[in-house]
PDB file of all heavy atoms in Angstrom:
ATOM      1  N   ARG A   1     -29.278  41.299  27.309  1.00  0.00           N
ATOM      2  CA  ARG A   1     -29.948  41.161  26.013  1.00  0.00           C
ATOM      3  C   ARG A   1     -30.065  39.682  25.625  1.00  0.00           C
ATOM      4  O   ARG A   1     -31.132  39.235  25.188  1.00  0.00           O
ATOM      5  CB  ARG A   1     -29.171  41.921  24.936  1.00  0.00           C
ATOM      6  CG  ARG A   1     -29.816  41.858  23.577  1.00  0.00           C
ATOM      7  CD  ARG A   1     -29.089  42.764  22.596  1.00  0.00           C
ATOM      8  NE  ARG A   1     -29.668  42.625  21.289  1.00  0.00           N
ATOM      9  CZ  ARG A   1     -28.982  42.295  20.205  1.00  0.00           C
ATOM     10  NH1 ARG A   1     -27.680  42.140  20.266  1.00  0.00           N
ATOM     11  NH2 ARG A   1     -29.582  42.178  19.051  1.00  0.00           N
ATOM     12  N   LEU A   2     -28.993  38.923  25.783  1.00  0.00           N
ATOM     13  CA  LEU A   2     -29.018  37.500  25.454  1.00  0.00           C
ATOM     14  C   LEU A   2     -29.957  36.744  26.386  1.00  0.00           C
ATOM     15  O   LEU A   2     -30.700  35.850  25.956  1.00  0.00           O
ATOM     16  CB  LEU A   2     -27.608  36.912  25.515  1.00  0.00           C
ATOM     17  CG  LEU A   2     -27.451  35.471  25.044  1.00  0.00           C
ATOM     18  CD1 LEU A   2     -27.868  35.331  23.585  1.00  0.00           C
ATOM     19  CD2 LEU A   2     -26.004  35.026  25.211  1.00  0.00           C
ATOM     20  N   GLU A   3     -29.954  37.110  27.645  1.00  0.00           N
ATOM     21  CA  GLU A   3     -30.847  36.486  28.613  1.00  0.00           C
ATOM     22  C   GLU A   3     -32.307  36.727  28.234  1.00  0.00           C
ATOM     23  O   GLU A   3     -33.127  35.806  28.234  1.00  0.00           O
ATOM     24  CB  GLU A   3     -30.566  37.043  30.003  1.00  0.00           C
ATOM     25  CG  GLU A   3     -31.320  36.363  31.107  1.00  0.00           C
ATOM     26  CD  GLU A   3     -30.982  36.914  32.484  1.00  0.00           C
ATOM     27  OE1 GLU A   3     -29.945  37.598  32.641  1.00  0.00           O
ATOM     28  OE2 GLU A   3     -31.752  36.631  33.411  1.00  0.00           O
ATOM     29  N   ALA A   4     -32.632  37.957  27.864  1.00  0.00           N
ATOM     30  CA  ALA A   4     -34.001  38.292  27.461  1.00  0.00           C
ATOM     31  C   ALA A   4     -34.381  37.576  26.165  1.00  0.00           C
ATOM     32  O   ALA A   4     -35.520  37.110  26.012  1.00  0.00           O
ATOM     33  CB  ALA A   4     -34.139  39.800  27.282  1.00  0.00           C
ATOM     34  N   GLU A   5     -33.436  37.472  25.244  1.00  0.00           N
ATOM     35  CA  GLU A   5     -33.694  36.772  23.989  1.00  0.00           C
ATOM     36  C   GLU A   5     -33.996  35.295  24.261  1.00  0.00           C
ATOM     37  O   GLU A   5     -34.892  34.713  23.647  1.00  0.00           O
ATOM     38  CB  GLU A   5     -32.473  36.895  23.073  1.00  0.00           C
ATOM     39  CG  GLU A   5     -32.688  36.399  21.670  1.00  0.00           C
ATOM     40  CD  GLU A   5     -31.468  36.637  20.792  1.00  0.00           C
ATOM     41  OE1 GLU A   5     -30.906  37.750  20.814  1.00  0.00           O
ATOM     42  OE2 GLU A   5     -31.074  35.681  20.093  1.00  0.00           O
ATOM     43  N   GLY A   6     -33.269  34.702  25.186  1.00  0.00           N
ATOM     44  CA  GLY A   6     -33.511  33.312  25.549  1.00  0.00           C
ATOM     45  C   GLY A   6     -34.881  33.118  26.159  1.00  0.00           C
ATOM     46  O   GLY A   6     -35.597  32.160  25.833  1.00  0.00           O
ATOM     47  N   LYS A   7     -35.272  34.024  27.028  1.00  0.00           N
ATOM     48  CA  LYS A   7     -36.603  33.940  27.635  1.00  0.00           C
ATOM     49  C   LYS A   7     -37.679  34.093  26.568  1.00  0.00           C
ATOM     50  O   LYS A   7     -38.696  33.391  26.593  1.00  0.00           O
ATOM     51  CB  LYS A   7     -36.765  35.011  28.711  1.00  0.00           C
ATOM     52  CG  LYS A   7     -35.977  34.720  29.970  1.00  0.00           C
ATOM     53  CD  LYS A   7     -36.150  35.811  30.996  1.00  0.00           C
ATOM     54  CE  LYS A   7     -35.317  35.549  32.238  1.00  0.00           C
ATOM     55  NZ  LYS A   7     -35.478  36.604  33.245  1.00  0.00           N
ATOM     56  N   ALA A   8     -37.473  35.000  25.627  1.00  0.00           N
ATOM     57  CA  ALA A   8     -38.439  35.215  24.545  1.00  0.00           C
ATOM     58  C   ALA A   8     -38.562  33.964  23.677  1.00  0.00           C
ATOM     59  O   ALA A   8     -39.676  33.594  23.265  1.00  0.00           O
ATOM     60  CB  ALA A   8     -38.026  36.416  23.702  1.00  0.00           C
ATOM     61  N   ASP A   9     -37.443  33.308  23.385  1.00  0.00           N
ATOM     62  CA  ASP A   9     -37.477  32.071  22.605  1.00  0.00           C
ATOM     63  C   ASP A   9     -38.307  31.009  23.311  1.00  0.00           C
ATOM     64  O   ASP A   9     -39.072  30.275  22.680  1.00  0.00           O
ATOM     65  CB  ASP A   9     -36.066  31.540  22.362  1.00  0.00           C
ATOM     66  CG  ASP A   9     -35.276  32.356  21.352  1.00  0.00           C
ATOM     67  OD1 ASP A   9     -35.872  33.213  20.662  1.00  0.00           O
ATOM     68  OD2 ASP A   9     -34.049  32.143  21.255  1.00  0.00           O
ATOM     69  N   GLN A  10     -38.172  30.921  24.621  1.00  0.00           N
ATOM     70  CA  GLN A  10     -38.921  29.929  25.388  1.00  0.00           C
ATOM     71  C   GLN A  10     -40.422  30.229  25.353  1.00  0.00           C
ATOM     72  O   GLN A  10     -41.240  29.319  25.173  1.00  0.00           O
ATOM     73  CB  GLN A  10     -38.439  29.915  26.834  1.00  0.00           C
ATOM     74  CG  GLN A  10     -37.031  29.382  26.985  1.00  0.00           C
ATOM     75  CD  GLN A  10     -36.539  29.512  28.403  1.00  0.00           C
ATOM     76  OE1 GLN A  10     -37.099  28.900  29.301  1.00  0.00           O
ATOM     77  NE2 GLN A  10     -35.503  30.312  28.610  1.00  0.00           N
ATOM     78  N   VAL A  11     -40.770  31.489  25.497  1.00  0.00           N
ATOM     79  CA  VAL A  11     -42.183  31.882  25.460  1.00  0.00           C
ATOM     80  C   VAL A  11     -42.773  31.577  24.090  1.00  0.00           C
ATOM     81  O   VAL A  11     -43.898  31.057  23.974  1.00  0.00           O
ATOM     82  CB  VAL A  11     -42.350  33.375  25.823  1.00  0.00           C
ATOM     83  CG1 VAL A  11     -43.754  33.860  25.528  1.00  0.00           C
ATOM     84  CG2 VAL A  11     -41.989  33.605  27.280  1.00  0.00           C
ATOM     85  N   LYS A  12     -42.010  31.870  23.043  1.00  0.00           N
ATOM     86  CA  LYS A  12     -42.463  31.618  21.678  1.00  0.00           C
ATOM     87  C   LYS A  12     -42.702  30.118  21.464  1.00  0.00           C
ATOM     88  O   LYS A  12     -43.717  29.726  20.890  1.00  0.00           O
ATOM     89  CB  LYS A  12     -41.428  32.149  20.685  1.00  0.00           C
ATOM     90  CG  LYS A  12     -41.901  32.194  19.254  1.00  0.00           C
ATOM     91  CD  LYS A  12     -40.971  33.029  18.403  1.00  0.00           C
ATOM     92  CE  LYS A  12     -39.998  32.154  17.669  1.00  0.00           C
ATOM     93  NZ  LYS A  12     -39.161  32.878  16.704  1.00  0.00           N
ATOM     94  N   ALA A  13     -41.789  29.294  21.932  1.00  0.00           N
ATOM     95  CA  ALA A  13     -41.939  27.843  21.782  1.00  0.00           C
ATOM     96  C   ALA A  13     -43.153  27.341  22.562  1.00  0.00           C
ATOM     97  O   ALA A  13     -43.908  26.494  22.063  1.00  0.00           O
ATOM     98  CB  ALA A  13     -40.675  27.137  22.247  1.00  0.00           C
ATOM     99  N   ASP A  14     -43.353  27.864  23.764  1.00  0.00           N
ATOM    100  CA  ASP A  14     -44.509  27.460  24.567  1.00  0.00           C
ATOM    101  C   ASP A  14     -45.819  27.873  23.896  1.00  0.00           C
ATOM    102  O   ASP A  14     -46.801  27.126  23.926  1.00  0.00           O
ATOM    103  CB  ASP A  14     -44.430  28.065  25.970  1.00  0.00           C
ATOM    104  CG  ASP A  14     -43.330  27.442  26.815  1.00  0.00           C
ATOM    105  OD1 ASP A  14     -42.846  26.347  26.474  1.00  0.00           O
ATOM    106  OD2 ASP A  14     -42.943  28.069  27.826  1.00  0.00           O
ATOM    107  N   ALA A  15     -45.834  29.051  23.288  1.00  0.00           N
ATOM    108  CA  ALA A  15     -47.037  29.523  22.599  1.00  0.00           C
ATOM    109  C   ALA A  15     -47.349  28.639  21.394  1.00  0.00           C
ATOM    110  O   ALA A  15     -48.518  28.311  21.140  1.00  0.00           O
ATOM    111  CB  ALA A  15     -46.860  30.974  22.164  1.00  0.00           C
ATOM    112  N   LYS A  16     -46.328  28.256  20.654  1.00  0.00           N
ATOM    113  CA  LYS A  16     -46.536  27.366  19.508  1.00  0.00           C
ATOM    114  C   LYS A  16     -47.087  26.023  19.962  1.00  0.00           C
ATOM    115  O   LYS A  16     -47.989  25.460  19.335  1.00  0.00           O
ATOM    116  CB  LYS A  16     -45.222  27.140  18.753  1.00  0.00           C
ATOM    117  CG  LYS A  16     -44.779  28.308  17.918  1.00  0.00           C
ATOM    118  CD  LYS A  16     -43.480  27.969  17.212  1.00  0.00           C
ATOM    119  CE  LYS A  16     -42.914  29.107  16.423  1.00  0.00           C
ATOM    120  NZ  LYS A  16     -41.635  28.749  15.790  1.00  0.00           N
ATOM    121  N   LYS A  17     -46.550  25.512  21.063  1.00  0.00           N
ATOM    122  CA  LYS A  17     -47.000  24.223  21.585  1.00  0.00           C
ATOM    123  C   LYS A  17     -48.464  24.317  22.012  1.00  0.00           C
ATOM    124  O   LYS A  17     -49.260  23.420  21.728  1.00  0.00           O
ATOM    125  CB  LYS A  17     -46.132  23.801  22.769  1.00  0.00           C
ATOM    126  CG  LYS A  17     -46.435  22.430  23.279  1.00  0.00           C
ATOM    127  CD  LYS A  17     -45.453  22.007  24.363  1.00  0.00           C
ATOM    128  CE  LYS A  17     -45.726  20.602  24.844  1.00  0.00           C
ATOM    129  NZ  LYS A  17     -44.750  20.169  25.841  1.00  0.00           N
ATOM    130  N   ALA A  18     -48.832  25.403  22.674  1.00  0.00           N
ATOM    131  CA  ALA A  18     -50.221  25.591  23.103  1.00  0.00           C
ATOM    132  C   ALA A  18     -51.151  25.699  21.897  1.00  0.00           C
ATOM    133  O   ALA A  18     -52.242  25.122  21.892  1.00  0.00           O
ATOM    134  CB  ALA A  18     -50.336  26.830  23.979  1.00  0.00           C
ATOM    135  N   ALA A  19     -50.720  26.420  20.874  1.00  0.00           N
ATOM    136  CA  ALA A  19     -51.538  26.562  19.672  1.00  0.00           C
ATOM    137  C   ALA A  19     -51.729  25.214  18.984  1.00  0.00           C
ATOM    138  O   ALA A  19     -52.820  24.912  18.486  1.00  0.00           O
ATOM    139  CB  ALA A  19     -50.894  27.561  18.716  1.00  0.00           C
ATOM    140  N   ASP A  20     -50.686  24.412  18.957  1.00  0.00           N
ATOM    141  CA  ASP A  20     -50.789  23.083  18.359  1.00  0.00           C
ATOM    142  C   ASP A  20     -51.778  22.212  19.129  1.00  0.00           C
ATOM    143  O   ASP A  20     -52.548  21.457  18.535  1.00  0.00           O
ATOM    144  CB  ASP A  20     -49.422  22.392  18.319  1.00  0.00           C
ATOM    145  CG  ASP A  20     -48.492  22.974  17.266  1.00  0.00           C
ATOM    146  OD1 ASP A  20     -48.987  23.659  16.345  1.00  0.00           O
ATOM    147  OD2 ASP A  20     -47.260  22.746  17.369  1.00  0.00           O
ATOM    148  N   LYS A  21     -51.776  22.321  20.466  1.00  0.00           N
ATOM    149  CA  LYS A  21     -52.699  21.531  21.280  1.00  0.00           C
ATOM    150  C   LYS A  21     -54.150  21.950  21.019  1.00  0.00           C
ATOM    151  O   LYS A  21     -55.042  21.110  20.931  1.00  0.00           O
ATOM    152  CB  LYS A  21     -52.372  21.676  22.764  1.00  0.00           C
ATOM    153  CG  LYS A  21     -51.166  20.896  23.186  1.00  0.00           C
ATOM    154  CD  LYS A  21     -50.947  20.980  24.684  1.00  0.00           C
ATOM    155  CE  LYS A  21     -49.765  20.143  25.114  1.00  0.00           C
ATOM    156  NZ  LYS A  21     -49.588  20.158  26.569  1.00  0.00           N
ATOM    157  N   VAL A  22     -54.375  23.255  20.889  1.00  0.00           N
ATOM    158  CA  VAL A  22     -55.729  23.746  20.601  1.00  0.00           C
ATOM    159  C   VAL A  22     -56.169  23.248  19.229  1.00  0.00           C
ATOM    160  O   VAL A  22     -57.300  22.776  19.062  1.00  0.00           O
ATOM    161  CB  VAL A  22     -55.781  25.288  20.673  1.00  0.00           C
ATOM    162  CG1 VAL A  22     -57.087  25.813  20.122  1.00  0.00           C
ATOM    163  CG2 VAL A  22     -55.577  25.757  22.103  1.00  0.00           C
ATOM    164  N   LYS A  23     -55.285  23.330  18.266  1.00  0.00           N
ATOM    165  CA  LYS A  23     -55.604  22.863  16.911  1.00  0.00           C
ATOM    166  C   LYS A  23     -55.950  21.374  16.935  1.00  0.00           C
ATOM    167  O   LYS A  23     -56.918  20.950  16.313  1.00  0.00           O
ATOM    168  CB  LYS A  23     -54.419  23.103  15.985  1.00  0.00           C
ATOM    169  CG  LYS A  23     -54.652  22.682  14.566  1.00  0.00           C
ATOM    170  CD  LYS A  23     -53.426  22.922  13.709  1.00  0.00           C
ATOM    171  CE  LYS A  23     -53.624  22.296  12.355  1.00  0.00           C
ATOM    172  NZ  LYS A  23     -52.381  22.203  11.598  1.00  0.00           N
ATOM    173  N   ASP A  24     -55.161  20.581  17.660  1.00  0.00           N
ATOM    174  CA  ASP A  24     -55.431  19.155  17.766  1.00  0.00           C
ATOM    175  C   ASP A  24     -56.783  18.888  18.432  1.00  0.00           C
ATOM    176  O   ASP A  24     -57.508  17.982  18.015  1.00  0.00           O
ATOM    177  CB  ASP A  24     -54.318  18.449  18.564  1.00  0.00           C
ATOM    178  CG  ASP A  24     -53.016  18.345  17.789  1.00  0.00           C
ATOM    179  OD1 ASP A  24     -53.030  18.569  16.551  1.00  0.00           O
ATOM    180  OD2 ASP A  24     -51.983  18.062  18.430  1.00  0.00           O
ATOM    181  N   ALA A  25     -57.126  19.673  19.432  1.00  0.00           N
ATOM    182  CA  ALA A  25     -58.402  19.495  20.124  1.00  0.00           C
ATOM    183  C   ALA A  25     -59.567  19.745  19.169  1.00  0.00           C
ATOM    184  O   ALA A  25     -60.549  19.003  19.176  1.00  0.00           O
ATOM    185  CB  ALA A  25     -58.490  20.419  21.325  1.00  0.00           C
ATOM    186  N   PHE A  26     -59.449  20.774  18.324  1.00  0.00           N
ATOM    187  CA  PHE A  26     -60.502  21.059  17.357  1.00  0.00           C
ATOM    188  C   PHE A  26     -60.563  19.972  16.286  1.00  0.00           C
ATOM    189  O   PHE A  26     -61.645  19.584  15.842  1.00  0.00           O
ATOM    190  CB  PHE A  26     -60.314  22.424  16.710  1.00  0.00           C
ATOM    191  CG  PHE A  26     -60.860  23.545  17.537  1.00  0.00           C
ATOM    192  CD1 PHE A  26     -60.011  24.394  18.235  1.00  0.00           C
ATOM    193  CD2 PHE A  26     -62.227  23.767  17.621  1.00  0.00           C
ATOM    194  CE1 PHE A  26     -60.505  25.429  19.003  1.00  0.00           C
ATOM    195  CE2 PHE A  26     -62.734  24.802  18.381  1.00  0.00           C
ATOM    196  CZ  PHE A  26     -61.880  25.640  19.078  1.00  0.00           C
ATOM    197  N   ASP A  27     -59.406  19.483  15.878  1.00  0.00           N
ATOM    198  CA  ASP A  27     -59.379  18.410  14.886  1.00  0.00           C
ATOM    199  C   ASP A  27     -60.032  17.151  15.447  1.00  0.00           C
ATOM    200  O   ASP A  27     -60.799  16.480  14.750  1.00  0.00           O
ATOM    201  CB  ASP A  27     -57.938  18.094  14.456  1.00  0.00           C
ATOM    202  CG  ASP A  27     -57.339  19.179  13.580  1.00  0.00           C
ATOM    203  OD1 ASP A  27     -58.085  20.034  13.061  1.00  0.00           O
ATOM    204  OD2 ASP A  27     -56.093  19.169  13.403  1.00  0.00           O
ATOM    205  N   ASP A  28     -59.743  16.835  16.704  1.00  0.00           N
ATOM    206  CA  ASP A  28     -60.327  15.654  17.341  1.00  0.00           C
ATOM    207  C   ASP A  28     -61.839  15.807  17.534  1.00  0.00           C
ATOM    208  O   ASP A  28     -62.601  14.842  17.391  1.00  0.00           O
ATOM    209  CB  ASP A  28     -59.673  15.368  18.685  1.00  0.00           C
ATOM    210  CG  ASP A  28     -58.232  14.879  18.532  1.00  0.00           C
ATOM    211  OD1 ASP A  28     -57.842  14.471  17.417  1.00  0.00           O
ATOM    212  OD2 ASP A  28     -57.484  14.915  19.537  1.00  0.00           O
ATOM    213  N   ALA A  29     -62.277  17.013  17.833  1.00  0.00           N
ATOM    214  CA  ALA A  29     -63.707  17.254  18.045  1.00  0.00           C
ATOM    215  C   ALA A  29     -64.493  17.150  16.741  1.00  0.00           C
ATOM    216  O   ALA A  29     -65.657  16.789  16.745  1.00  0.00           O
ATOM    217  CB  ALA A  29     -63.918  18.639  18.662  1.00  0.00           C
ATOM    218  N   GLY A  30     -63.837  17.437  15.634  1.00  0.00           N
ATOM    219  CA  GLY A  30     -64.493  17.382  14.338  1.00  0.00           C
ATOM    220  C   GLY A  30     -64.612  15.983  13.757  1.00  0.00           C
ATOM    221  O   GLY A  30     -65.287  15.770  12.766  1.00  0.00           O
ATOM    222  N   LYS A  31     -64.017  15.014  14.411  1.00  0.00           N
ATOM    223  CA  LYS A  31     -64.053  13.635  13.875  1.00  0.00           C
ATOM    224  C   LYS A  31     -65.281  12.908  14.312  1.00  0.00           C
ATOM    225  O   LYS A  31     -65.911  13.061  15.241  1.00  0.00           O
ATOM    226  CB  LYS A  31     -62.800  12.861  14.332  1.00  0.00           C
ATOM    227  CG  LYS A  31     -61.562  13.383  13.665  1.00  0.00           C
ATOM    228  CD  LYS A  31     -60.362  12.573  14.083  1.00  0.00           C
ATOM    229  CE  LYS A  31     -59.107  13.114  13.404  1.00  0.00           C
ATOM    230  NZ  LYS A  31     -57.935  12.415  13.824  1.00  0.00           N
TER     231      LYS A  31
END
């Protein structure tokens, strides 16, 4: 259970990072 929770935390962090990169790309394109 702890191992799976750790993997889930990593996936969640990676997803947030990817979303931030997409947001930055749109912000840069709008300038």
